[in-house]
C-alpha atoms as a PDB file:
ATOM      1  CA  MET A   1      -1.536   8.093 -19.426  1.00  0.00           C
ATOM      2  CA  LYS A   2       1.832   9.396 -19.338  1.00  0.00           C
ATOM      3  CA  HIS A   3       2.919  12.178 -16.712  1.00  0.00           C
ATOM      4  CA  SER A   4       5.928  14.049 -16.397  1.00  0.00           C
ATOM      5  CA  PRO A   5       8.816  13.145 -13.530  1.00  0.00           C
ATOM      6  CA  ARG A   6       8.101  16.505 -11.624  1.00  0.00           C
ATOM      7  CA  SER A   7       4.661  15.875 -11.335  1.00  0.00           C
ATOM      8  CA  ILE A   8       4.950  12.197  -9.999  1.00  0.00           C
ATOM      9  CA  ALA A   9       8.022  13.232  -7.945  1.00  0.00           C
ATOM     10  CA  PHE A  10       5.072  16.170  -6.541  1.00  0.00           C
ATOM     11  CA  LEU A  11       2.893  13.296  -5.635  1.00  0.00           C
ATOM     12  CA  GLN A  12       5.031  11.685  -3.643  1.00  0.00           C
ATOM     13  CA  ALA A  13       6.014  14.122  -1.935  1.00  0.00           C
ATOM     14  CA  ILE A  14       2.845  15.037  -0.961  1.00  0.00           C
ATOM     15  CA  GLY A  15       2.516  11.418  -0.053  1.00  0.00           C
ATOM     16  CA  VAL A  16       5.503  11.717   2.509  1.00  0.00           C
ATOM     17  CA  THR A  17       4.700  14.819   3.545  1.00  0.00           C
ATOM     18  CA  ALA A  18       1.158  13.573   4.538  1.00  0.00           C
ATOM     19  CA  TYR A  19       2.403  10.459   6.230  1.00  0.00           C
ATOM     20  CA  VAL A  20       4.844  12.351   8.439  1.00  0.00           C
ATOM     21  CA  ALA A  21       1.676  14.275   9.485  1.00  0.00           C
ATOM     22  CA  VAL A  22      -0.291  11.575   9.587  1.00  0.00           C
ATOM     23  CA  PHE A  23       2.894   9.895  11.638  1.00  0.00           C
ATOM     24  CA  ALA A  24       3.560  12.969  13.589  1.00  0.00           C
ATOM     25  CA  VAL A  25      -0.914  12.975  14.796  1.00  0.00           C
ATOM     26  CA  LEU A  26      -0.580   9.575  16.122  1.00  0.00           C
ATOM     27  CA  VAL A  27       2.795  10.233  18.128  1.00  0.00           C
ATOM     28  CA  GLN A  28       1.132  13.545  19.788  1.00  0.00           C
ATOM     29  CA  SER A  29      -2.024  11.151  20.230  1.00  0.00           C
ATOM     30  CA  VAL A  30      -0.635   8.169  22.083  1.00  0.00           C
ATOM     31  CA  GLN A  31       1.691  10.665  24.320  1.00  0.00           C
ATOM     32  CA  PHE A  32      -1.404  11.895  25.649  1.00  0.00           C
ATOM     33  CA  ILE A  33      -3.009   7.972  26.025  1.00  0.00           C
ATOM     34  CA  VAL A  34       0.859   6.661  27.107  1.00  0.00           C
ATOM     35  CA  HIS A  35       3.180   8.626  29.234  1.00  0.00           C
ATOM     36  CA  PRO A  36       7.013   7.489  28.052  1.00  0.00           C
ATOM     37  CA  GLN A  37       8.303   8.529  31.199  1.00  0.00           C
ATOM     38  CA  ASN A  38       6.355   5.899  32.892  1.00  0.00           C
ATOM     39  CA  LEU A  39       7.817   3.564  30.300  1.00  0.00           C
ATOM     40  CA  GLY A  40      11.333   3.187  31.427  1.00  0.00           C
ATOM     41  CA  PRO A  41      14.154   3.481  28.788  1.00  0.00           C
ATOM     42  CA  ILE A  42      14.068   0.034  27.226  1.00  0.00           C
ATOM     43  CA  PRO A  43      10.915  -0.347  26.151  1.00  0.00           C
ATOM     44  CA  THR A  44      10.455   3.798  25.044  1.00  0.00           C
ATOM     45  CA  ILE A  45      13.946   3.331  22.940  1.00  0.00           C
ATOM     46  CA  THR A  46      12.963   0.345  21.410  1.00  0.00           C
ATOM     47  CA  ILE A  47       9.598   1.529  20.269  1.00  0.00           C
ATOM     48  CA  PHE A  48      11.052   5.215  18.813  1.00  0.00           C
ATOM     49  CA  LEU A  49      14.053   2.707  17.362  1.00  0.00           C
ATOM     50  CA  LEU A  50      10.781   0.706  15.590  1.00  0.00           C
ATOM     51  CA  ALA A  51       8.958   3.371  14.598  1.00  0.00           C
ATOM     52  CA  PHE A  52      11.737   4.925  13.270  1.00  0.00           C
ATOM     53  CA  VAL A  53      13.258   2.227  11.094  1.00  0.00           C
ATOM     54  CA  THR A  54       9.515   1.659   9.566  1.00  0.00           C
ATOM     55  CA  SER A  55       9.148   5.504   8.821  1.00  0.00           C
ATOM     56  CA  ALA A  56      12.042   4.759   6.834  1.00  0.00           C
ATOM     57  CA  LEU A  57      11.257   2.183   5.151  1.00  0.00           C
ATOM     58  CA  ILE A  58       7.693   3.113   4.320  1.00  0.00           C
ATOM     59  CA  CYS A  59       9.426   6.849   3.416  1.00  0.00           C
ATOM     60  CA  ALA A  60      11.929   4.900   1.298  1.00  0.00           C
ATOM     61  CA  ALA A  61       8.937   3.033  -0.633  1.00  0.00           C
ATOM     62  CA  ILE A  62       7.219   6.528  -1.724  1.00  0.00           C
ATOM     63  CA  VAL A  63       9.792   7.709  -2.606  1.00  0.00           C
ATOM     64  CA  PHE A  64      12.055   4.912  -4.617  1.00  0.00           C
ATOM     65  CA  GLY A  65       9.316   2.124  -5.397  1.00  0.00           C
ATOM     66  CA  TYR A  66       8.664   3.860  -8.691  1.00  0.00           C
ATOM     67  CA  PRO A  67      11.904   5.406  -9.638  1.00  0.00           C
ATOM     68  CA  ALA A  68      13.413   1.694  -8.583  1.00  0.00           C
ATOM     69  CA  THR A  69      10.462  -0.199 -11.321  1.00  0.00           C
ATOM     70  CA  LEU A  70      11.924   2.728 -14.015  1.00  0.00           C
ATOM     71  CA  PHE A  71      15.314   2.020 -13.132  1.00  0.00           C
ATOM     72  CA  PHE A  72      14.932  -1.691 -14.067  1.00  0.00           C
ATOM     73  CA  ASP A  73      13.200  -0.981 -17.156  1.00  0.00           C
ATOM     74  CA  GLY A  74      15.993   0.594 -18.620  1.00  0.00           C
ATOM     75  CA  ARG A  75      14.858   4.520 -17.609  1.00  0.00           C
ATOM     76  CA  LYS A  76      17.575   5.086 -15.173  1.00  0.00           C
ATOM     77  CA  ARG A  77      17.427   9.001 -16.617  1.00  0.00           C
ATOM     78  CA  GLU A  78      13.929   9.241 -15.634  1.00  0.00           C
ATOM     79  CA  ALA A  79      14.151   7.269 -12.492  1.00  0.00           C
ATOM     80  CA  LEU A  80      17.119   9.488 -11.580  1.00  0.00           C
ATOM     81  CA  GLU A  81      14.690  12.672 -12.786  1.00  0.00           C
ATOM     82  CA  VAL A  82      12.013  11.411 -10.212  1.00  0.00           C
ATOM     83  CA  VAL A  83      14.289  11.101  -7.388  1.00  0.00           C
ATOM     84  CA  GLY A  84      15.687  14.661  -7.789  1.00  0.00           C
ATOM     85  CA  TRP A  85      12.263  16.462  -8.572  1.00  0.00           C
ATOM     86  CA  THR A  86      10.970  14.274  -4.693  1.00  0.00           C
ATOM     87  CA  MET A  87      14.027  15.420  -3.257  1.00  0.00           C
ATOM     88  CA  ALA A  88      13.016  19.285  -4.493  1.00  0.00           C
ATOM     89  CA  TRP A  89       9.448  19.149  -3.808  1.00  0.00           C
ATOM     90  CA  CYS A  90      10.278  17.826  -0.648  1.00  0.00           C
ATOM     91  CA  VAL A  91      12.513  20.892   0.172  1.00  0.00           C
ATOM     92  CA  ILE A  92      10.021  23.295  -1.495  1.00  0.00           C
ATOM     93  CA  LEU A  93       7.549  21.786   1.117  1.00  0.00           C
ATOM     94  CA  LEU A  94       9.541  22.042   4.000  1.00  0.00           C
ATOM     95  CA  ALA A  95      10.298  25.723   3.380  1.00  0.00           C
ATOM     96  CA  ILE A  96       6.145  26.249   3.202  1.00  0.00           C
ATOM     97  CA  ILE A  97       5.355  24.517   5.488  1.00  0.00           C
ATOM     98  CA  GLY A  98       8.451  25.930   8.031  1.00  0.00           C
ATOM     99  CA  THR A  99       7.281  29.482   6.795  1.00  0.00           C
ATOM    100  CA  ALA A 100       3.616  29.087   7.658  1.00  0.00           C
ATOM    101  CA  VAL A 101       4.450  27.699  10.901  1.00  0.00           C
ATOM    102  CA  VAL A 102       6.669  30.420  11.869  1.00  0.00           C
ATOM    103  CA  LEU A 103       4.269  32.915  10.682  1.00  0.00           C
ATOM    104  CA  LEU A 104       1.433  31.528  12.585  1.00  0.00           C
ATOM    105  CA  GLN A 105       3.311  31.722  16.025  1.00  0.00           C
END
């Protein structure tokens, strides 16, 4: 079953959005249990940077994993289409979610 670059990109954008939402909920939940101001600057900065790098790796895997496979299979144009559509879908999802948040407040 072959999917279009647009539909694959949509699923990737949904995956990144879901990951970011789950991460935000987890961070919010942890803040209720462990208060960052009680940890001190060094552990807080270390945790922040490790979370940032881990998140970047997970998002890169979601967004670039399949296009990298396409690229190395010689389907460079399709790989670029998937990345381009993923960026477009992420912007669209950002606009939708941002508008919904503003309207709901």
